[in-house]
Amino acid sequence: MCLRRAERDQALIEKQELKEAIRDYKVKEVELHDQLHFLQQRLHLLEEEVLRDLAKLHLPTAEDEALFWKDRYIKLAWLANQAMADIPLETPAKKDETGYTTISLQNSGQNKTNGDGHGEPQAT
């Protein structure tokens, strides 16, 4: 009977040690989880910082490209306005046999203007 009591006491001691080990592992798990959360937040902040730095690095190039295309747009709009000024207004639009509306463009020798009556004379 003494042997059984010793085995039972030994089993209780081992059980208590296992409970303490489980408790220690749970505490360690919580600590590691908190550390992981902290590192994820730090990583997110570093990613934002890198993206901010890259944006600052590419901003001058983007501004230059925007100015380039704005200039091209202005020039294209000016050319379109010049072309529209060359279309005689008194020529009526006609529908051809296909059903499309056509405008006959006649070179009348008038001055090219930018819409306000000013412009360079047309070379004839």
N, C-alpha and C. Protein backbone atom coordinates (compact mmCIF):
# COMPACT_ATOMS: atom_id res chain seq x y z
N MET A 1 0.81 -1.17 0.00
CA MET A 1 0.00 0.00 0.00
C MET A 1 0.86 1.26 0.00
N CYS A 2 1.94 1.20 0.62
CA CYS A 2 2.87 2.32 0.67
C CYS A 2 3.40 2.63 -0.72
N LEU A 3 3.57 1.58 -1.52
CA LEU A 3 4.05 1.75 -2.89
C LEU A 3 3.01 2.49 -3.74
N ARG A 4 1.75 2.15 -3.55
CA ARG A 4 0.68 2.83 -4.28
C ARG A 4 0.59 4.29 -3.88
N ARG A 5 0.75 4.54 -2.59
CA ARG A 5 0.69 5.92 -2.12
C ARG A 5 1.84 6.71 -2.73
N ALA A 6 3.02 6.15 -2.81
CA ALA A 6 4.18 6.82 -3.39
C ALA A 6 3.94 7.09 -4.87
N GLU A 7 3.36 6.11 -5.58
CA GLU A 7 3.06 6.30 -7.00
C GLU A 7 2.02 7.40 -7.19
N ARG A 8 1.02 7.40 -6.32
CA ARG A 8 -0.02 8.42 -6.41
C ARG A 8 0.55 9.80 -6.11
N ASP A 9 1.38 9.90 -5.09
CA ASP A 9 2.02 11.18 -4.77
C ASP A 9 2.90 11.66 -5.93
N GLN A 10 3.62 10.71 -6.52
CA GLN A 10 4.48 11.05 -7.66
C GLN A 10 3.62 11.53 -8.84
N ALA A 11 2.49 10.89 -9.08
CA ALA A 11 1.59 11.28 -10.17
C ALA A 11 1.01 12.66 -9.90
N LEU A 12 0.66 12.95 -8.64
CA LEU A 12 0.14 14.28 -8.29
C LEU A 12 1.21 15.36 -8.49
N ILE A 13 2.45 15.04 -8.12
CA ILE A 13 3.55 16.00 -8.31
C ILE A 13 3.75 16.28 -9.80
N GLU A 14 3.76 15.21 -10.61
CA GLU A 14 3.93 15.38 -12.06
C GLU A 14 2.76 16.16 -12.66
N LYS A 15 1.55 15.88 -12.16
CA LYS A 15 0.37 16.59 -12.64
C LYS A 15 0.49 18.08 -12.32
N GLN A 16 0.93 18.40 -11.10
CA GLN A 16 1.10 19.80 -10.70
C GLN A 16 2.18 20.47 -11.55
N GLU A 17 3.28 19.76 -11.83
CA GLU A 17 4.35 20.31 -12.66
C GLU A 17 3.85 20.58 -14.08
N LEU A 18 3.04 19.68 -14.59
CA LEU A 18 2.49 19.87 -15.94
C LEU A 18 1.54 21.06 -15.98
N LYS A 19 0.72 21.23 -14.93
CA LYS A 19 -0.17 22.39 -14.87
C LYS A 19 0.63 23.69 -14.85
N GLU A 20 1.72 23.71 -14.07
CA GLU A 20 2.57 24.90 -14.02
C GLU A 20 3.23 25.16 -15.38
N ALA A 21 3.66 24.09 -16.04
CA ALA A 21 4.28 24.24 -17.36
C ALA A 21 3.27 24.79 -18.36
N ILE A 22 2.03 24.30 -18.30
CA ILE A 22 0.98 24.80 -19.20
C ILE A 22 0.72 26.27 -18.93
N ARG A 23 0.66 26.65 -17.65
CA ARG A 23 0.44 28.04 -17.28
C ARG A 23 1.58 28.91 -17.80
N ASP A 24 2.83 28.43 -17.63
CA ASP A 24 3.99 29.18 -18.11
C ASP A 24 3.94 29.34 -19.64
N TYR A 25 3.54 28.27 -20.33
CA TYR A 25 3.46 28.34 -21.79
C TYR A 25 2.37 29.30 -22.25
N LYS A 26 1.26 29.34 -21.50
CA LYS A 26 0.19 30.28 -21.86
C LYS A 26 0.65 31.72 -21.66
N VAL A 27 1.37 31.97 -20.57
CA VAL A 27 1.91 33.32 -20.34
C VAL A 27 2.88 33.68 -21.45
N LYS A 28 3.75 32.74 -21.80
CA LYS A 28 4.72 32.97 -22.87
C LYS A 28 4.01 33.21 -24.20
N GLU A 29 2.92 32.45 -24.44
CA GLU A 29 2.15 32.63 -25.68
C GLU A 29 1.56 34.04 -25.76
N VAL A 30 1.02 34.52 -24.64
CA VAL A 30 0.46 35.87 -24.61
C VAL A 30 1.56 36.90 -24.86
N GLU A 31 2.72 36.72 -24.23
CA GLU A 31 3.84 37.64 -24.45
C GLU A 31 4.27 37.64 -25.91
N LEU A 32 4.38 36.46 -26.50
CA LEU A 32 4.78 36.37 -27.91
C LEU A 32 3.73 36.98 -28.84
N HIS A 33 2.46 36.78 -28.49
CA HIS A 33 1.39 37.37 -29.28
C HIS A 33 1.46 38.90 -29.22
N ASP A 34 1.69 39.44 -28.03
CA ASP A 34 1.83 40.89 -27.88
C ASP A 34 3.04 41.40 -28.67
N GLN A 35 4.14 40.67 -28.59
CA GLN A 35 5.34 41.06 -29.33
C GLN A 35 5.08 41.02 -30.84
N LEU A 36 4.38 40.00 -31.30
CA LEU A 36 4.05 39.89 -32.71
C LEU A 36 3.18 41.08 -33.14
N HIS A 37 2.20 41.42 -32.34
CA HIS A 37 1.33 42.56 -32.64
C HIS A 37 2.14 43.85 -32.71
N PHE A 38 3.05 44.05 -31.77
CA PHE A 38 3.91 45.23 -31.78
C PHE A 38 4.76 45.27 -33.04
N LEU A 39 5.34 44.14 -33.42
CA LEU A 39 6.19 44.10 -34.61
C LEU A 39 5.38 44.32 -35.89
N GLN A 40 4.15 43.83 -35.92
CA GLN A 40 3.30 44.07 -37.09
C GLN A 40 2.98 45.56 -37.22
N GLN A 41 2.69 46.21 -36.10
CA GLN A 41 2.44 47.65 -36.13
C GLN A 41 3.68 48.40 -36.59
N ARG A 42 4.83 48.01 -36.10
CA ARG A 42 6.09 48.65 -36.48
C ARG A 42 6.35 48.46 -37.98
N LEU A 43 6.10 47.26 -38.47
CA LEU A 43 6.27 46.97 -39.89
C LEU A 43 5.35 47.85 -40.73
N HIS A 44 4.11 47.99 -40.29
CA HIS A 44 3.14 48.83 -41.00
C HIS A 44 3.63 50.27 -41.05
N LEU A 45 4.13 50.79 -39.95
CA LEU A 45 4.65 52.15 -39.91
C LEU A 45 5.86 52.31 -40.83
N LEU A 46 6.73 51.32 -40.84
CA LEU A 46 7.90 51.39 -41.72
C LEU A 46 7.49 51.34 -43.19
N GLU A 47 6.50 50.51 -43.51
CA GLU A 47 6.00 50.46 -44.89
C GLU A 47 5.44 51.81 -45.31
N GLU A 48 4.67 52.45 -44.43
CA GLU A 48 4.13 53.78 -44.73
C GLU A 48 5.25 54.78 -44.94
N GLU A 49 6.28 54.71 -44.12
CA GLU A 49 7.41 55.62 -44.25
C GLU A 49 8.13 55.43 -45.58
N VAL A 50 8.33 54.18 -45.97
CA VAL A 50 8.98 53.89 -47.25
C VAL A 50 8.12 54.41 -48.41
N LEU A 51 6.82 54.17 -48.35
CA LEU A 51 5.93 54.66 -49.40
C LEU A 51 5.94 56.18 -49.48
N ARG A 52 5.98 56.84 -48.33
CA ARG A 52 6.04 58.30 -48.29
C ARG A 52 7.33 58.79 -48.94
N ASP A 53 8.45 58.13 -48.61
CA ASP A 53 9.73 58.51 -49.19
C ASP A 53 9.75 58.28 -50.70
N LEU A 54 9.18 57.16 -51.14
CA LEU A 54 9.12 56.90 -52.59
C LEU A 54 8.25 57.93 -53.30
N ALA A 55 7.15 58.31 -52.68
CA ALA A 55 6.28 59.32 -53.28
C ALA A 55 7.01 60.65 -53.41
N LYS A 56 7.76 61.02 -52.37
CA LYS A 56 8.54 62.26 -52.44
C LYS A 56 9.60 62.17 -53.52
N LEU A 57 10.17 60.99 -53.70
CA LEU A 57 11.20 60.80 -54.71
C LEU A 57 10.63 60.93 -56.12
N HIS A 58 9.42 60.41 -56.34
CA HIS A 58 8.83 60.42 -57.67
C HIS A 58 7.99 61.67 -57.96
N LEU A 59 7.75 62.50 -56.98
CA LEU A 59 6.91 63.68 -57.16
C LEU A 59 7.44 64.63 -58.22
N PRO A 60 8.73 64.99 -58.22
CA PRO A 60 9.21 65.92 -59.26
C PRO A 60 9.01 65.38 -60.68
N THR A 61 9.24 64.11 -60.87
CA THR A 61 9.05 63.51 -62.20
C THR A 61 7.58 63.58 -62.60
N ALA A 62 6.70 63.27 -61.68
CA ALA A 62 5.26 63.31 -61.98
C ALA A 62 4.82 64.74 -62.29
N GLU A 63 5.35 65.72 -61.56
CA GLU A 63 5.01 67.11 -61.82
C GLU A 63 5.50 67.53 -63.20
N ASP A 64 6.73 67.13 -63.56
CA ASP A 64 7.26 67.45 -64.88
C ASP A 64 6.41 66.84 -65.98
N GLU A 65 6.01 65.58 -65.79
CA GLU A 65 5.17 64.93 -66.80
C GLU A 65 3.81 65.63 -66.90
N ALA A 66 3.25 66.03 -65.78
CA ALA A 66 1.96 66.72 -65.80
C ALA A 66 2.08 68.04 -66.55
N LEU A 67 3.15 68.79 -66.31
CA LEU A 67 3.35 70.05 -67.03
C LEU A 67 3.54 69.80 -68.52
N PHE A 68 4.29 68.75 -68.87
CA PHE A 68 4.51 68.41 -70.27
C PHE A 68 3.19 68.14 -70.97
N TRP A 69 2.35 67.28 -70.36
CA TRP A 69 1.09 66.93 -71.00
C TRP A 69 0.09 68.09 -70.97
N LYS A 70 0.17 68.94 -69.97
CA LYS A 70 -0.69 70.13 -69.94
C LYS A 70 -0.32 71.04 -71.10
N ASP A 71 0.97 71.22 -71.33
CA ASP A 71 1.43 72.04 -72.45
C ASP A 71 0.95 71.44 -73.78
N ARG A 72 1.06 70.12 -73.93
CA ARG A 72 0.61 69.47 -75.16
C ARG A 72 -0.90 69.66 -75.35
N TYR A 73 -1.65 69.57 -74.27
CA TYR A 73 -3.09 69.74 -74.34
C TYR A 73 -3.44 71.16 -74.79
N ILE A 74 -2.76 72.13 -74.22
CA ILE A 74 -3.02 73.53 -74.58
C ILE A 74 -2.71 73.75 -76.05
N LYS A 75 -1.58 73.21 -76.51
CA LYS A 75 -1.22 73.37 -77.92
C LYS A 75 -2.23 72.68 -78.83
N LEU A 76 -2.66 71.49 -78.45
CA LEU A 76 -3.64 70.76 -79.25
C LEU A 76 -4.97 71.51 -79.29
N ALA A 77 -5.39 72.06 -78.17
CA ALA A 77 -6.64 72.82 -78.13
C ALA A 77 -6.52 74.06 -79.01
N TRP A 78 -5.36 74.71 -78.98
CA TRP A 78 -5.15 75.88 -79.83
C TRP A 78 -5.24 75.49 -81.30
N LEU A 79 -4.59 74.37 -81.67
CA LEU A 79 -4.65 73.91 -83.06
C LEU A 79 -6.09 73.57 -83.46
N ALA A 80 -6.83 72.93 -82.58
CA ALA A 80 -8.22 72.60 -82.87
C ALA A 80 -9.04 73.86 -83.07
N ASN A 81 -8.81 74.85 -82.24
CA ASN A 81 -9.53 76.12 -82.39
C ASN A 81 -9.16 76.79 -83.72
N GLN A 82 -7.90 76.71 -84.10
CA GLN A 82 -7.48 77.28 -85.38
C GLN A 82 -8.17 76.56 -86.53
N ALA A 83 -8.23 75.23 -86.45
CA ALA A 83 -8.89 74.46 -87.50
C ALA A 83 -10.37 74.79 -87.57
N MET A 84 -11.00 74.97 -86.43
CA MET A 84 -12.42 75.31 -86.41
C MET A 84 -12.65 76.70 -86.98
N ALA A 85 -11.70 77.60 -86.77
CA ALA A 85 -11.85 78.96 -87.30
C ALA A 85 -11.75 78.95 -88.81
N ASP A 86 -11.08 77.96 -89.38
CA ASP A 86 -10.94 77.88 -90.84
C ASP A 86 -12.19 77.34 -91.52
N ILE A 87 -13.10 76.75 -90.78
CA ILE A 87 -14.32 76.20 -91.37
C ILE A 87 -15.27 77.36 -91.63
N PRO A 88 -15.67 77.55 -92.88
CA PRO A 88 -16.59 78.66 -93.16
C PRO A 88 -17.96 78.39 -92.53
N LEU A 89 -18.49 79.39 -91.88
CA LEU A 89 -19.76 79.23 -91.18
C LEU A 89 -20.95 79.29 -92.13
N GLU A 90 -20.81 79.95 -93.28
CA GLU A 90 -21.94 80.10 -94.18
C GLU A 90 -22.20 78.86 -95.03
N THR A 91 -21.31 77.90 -95.02
CA THR A 91 -21.51 76.69 -95.81
C THR A 91 -22.48 75.77 -95.06
N PRO A 92 -23.61 75.46 -95.65
CA PRO A 92 -24.56 74.60 -94.94
C PRO A 92 -24.09 73.14 -94.94
N ALA A 93 -24.46 72.45 -93.91
CA ALA A 93 -24.15 71.03 -93.83
C ALA A 93 -25.13 70.27 -94.70
N LYS A 94 -24.65 69.25 -95.40
CA LYS A 94 -25.50 68.46 -96.29
C LYS A 94 -25.35 66.99 -95.94
N LYS A 95 -26.42 66.27 -96.17
CA LYS A 95 -26.35 64.82 -95.99
C LYS A 95 -26.05 64.21 -97.35
N ASP A 96 -25.04 63.33 -97.37
CA ASP A 96 -24.71 62.67 -98.64
C ASP A 96 -25.56 61.42 -98.80
N GLU A 97 -25.29 60.64 -99.84
CA GLU A 97 -26.12 59.46 -100.12
C GLU A 97 -26.00 58.38 -99.06
N THR A 98 -24.94 58.41 -98.24
CA THR A 98 -24.80 57.40 -97.19
C THR A 98 -25.54 57.79 -95.92
N GLY A 99 -26.03 59.03 -95.87
CA GLY A 99 -26.75 59.48 -94.70
C GLY A 99 -25.88 60.23 -93.70
N TYR A 100 -24.59 60.37 -94.00
CA TYR A 100 -23.69 61.10 -93.11
C TYR A 100 -23.74 62.59 -93.44
N THR A 101 -23.61 63.40 -92.43
CA THR A 101 -23.59 64.84 -92.63
C THR A 101 -22.19 65.25 -93.06
N THR A 102 -22.12 66.03 -94.12
CA THR A 102 -20.83 66.50 -94.61
C THR A 102 -20.84 68.01 -94.70
N ILE A 103 -19.68 68.57 -94.56
CA ILE A 103 -19.51 70.01 -94.71
C ILE A 103 -18.45 70.20 -95.79
N SER A 104 -18.77 70.96 -96.80
CA SER A 104 -17.77 71.19 -97.84
C SER A 104 -16.85 72.30 -97.36
N LEU A 105 -15.57 72.03 -97.40
CA LEU A 105 -14.58 73.00 -96.96
C LEU A 105 -14.04 73.70 -98.19
N GLN A 106 -14.31 74.96 -98.29
CA GLN A 106 -13.84 75.74 -99.43
C GLN A 106 -12.78 76.70 -98.94
N ASN A 107 -11.72 76.78 -99.69
CA ASN A 107 -10.66 77.72 -99.34
C ASN A 107 -11.04 79.06 -99.95
N SER A 108 -11.50 79.97 -99.13
CA SER A 108 -12.00 81.24 -99.63
C SER A 108 -10.95 82.33 -99.59
N GLY A 109 -9.73 82.01 -99.15
CA GLY A 109 -8.68 83.02 -99.11
C GLY A 109 -8.82 83.98 -97.96
N GLN A 110 -9.64 83.65 -96.98
CA GLN A 110 -9.82 84.52 -95.82
C GLN A 110 -8.63 84.38 -94.88
N ASN A 111 -8.52 85.32 -93.96
CA ASN A 111 -7.46 85.26 -92.96
C ASN A 111 -7.78 84.21 -91.92
N LYS A 112 -6.73 83.50 -91.47
CA LYS A 112 -6.90 82.57 -90.34
C LYS A 112 -6.99 83.41 -89.08
N THR A 113 -7.92 83.09 -88.23
CA THR A 113 -8.04 83.82 -86.97
C THR A 113 -8.13 82.84 -85.84
N ASN A 114 -7.95 83.36 -84.64
CA ASN A 114 -8.06 82.51 -83.46
C ASN A 114 -9.42 82.66 -82.80
N GLY A 115 -10.39 83.12 -83.54
CA GLY A 115 -11.75 83.21 -83.01
C GLY A 115 -12.14 84.61 -82.60
N ASP A 116 -11.17 85.53 -82.49
CA ASP A 116 -11.51 86.89 -82.10
C ASP A 116 -11.21 87.88 -83.21
N GLY A 117 -10.97 87.38 -84.43
CA GLY A 117 -10.72 88.26 -85.56
C GLY A 117 -9.26 88.61 -85.74
N HIS A 118 -8.42 88.14 -84.85
CA HIS A 118 -6.99 88.41 -84.96
C HIS A 118 -6.27 87.15 -85.38
N GLY A 119 -5.23 87.29 -86.11
CA GLY A 119 -4.46 86.13 -86.50
C GLY A 119 -3.56 86.46 -87.66
N GLU A 120 -2.89 85.44 -88.13
CA GLU A 120 -1.96 85.65 -89.23
C GLU A 120 -2.70 85.47 -90.55
N PRO A 121 -2.33 86.25 -91.57
CA PRO A 121 -2.99 86.08 -92.86
C PRO A 121 -2.62 84.73 -93.45
N GLN A 122 -3.56 84.15 -94.17
CA GLN A 122 -3.36 82.84 -94.77
C GLN A 122 -2.53 83.00 -96.03
N ALA A 123 -1.52 82.12 -96.18
CA ALA A 123 -0.70 82.16 -97.39
C ALA A 123 -1.48 81.58 -98.54
N THR A 124 -1.53 82.32 -99.67
CA THR A 124 -2.27 81.82 -100.84
C THR A 124 -1.34 81.56 -101.99
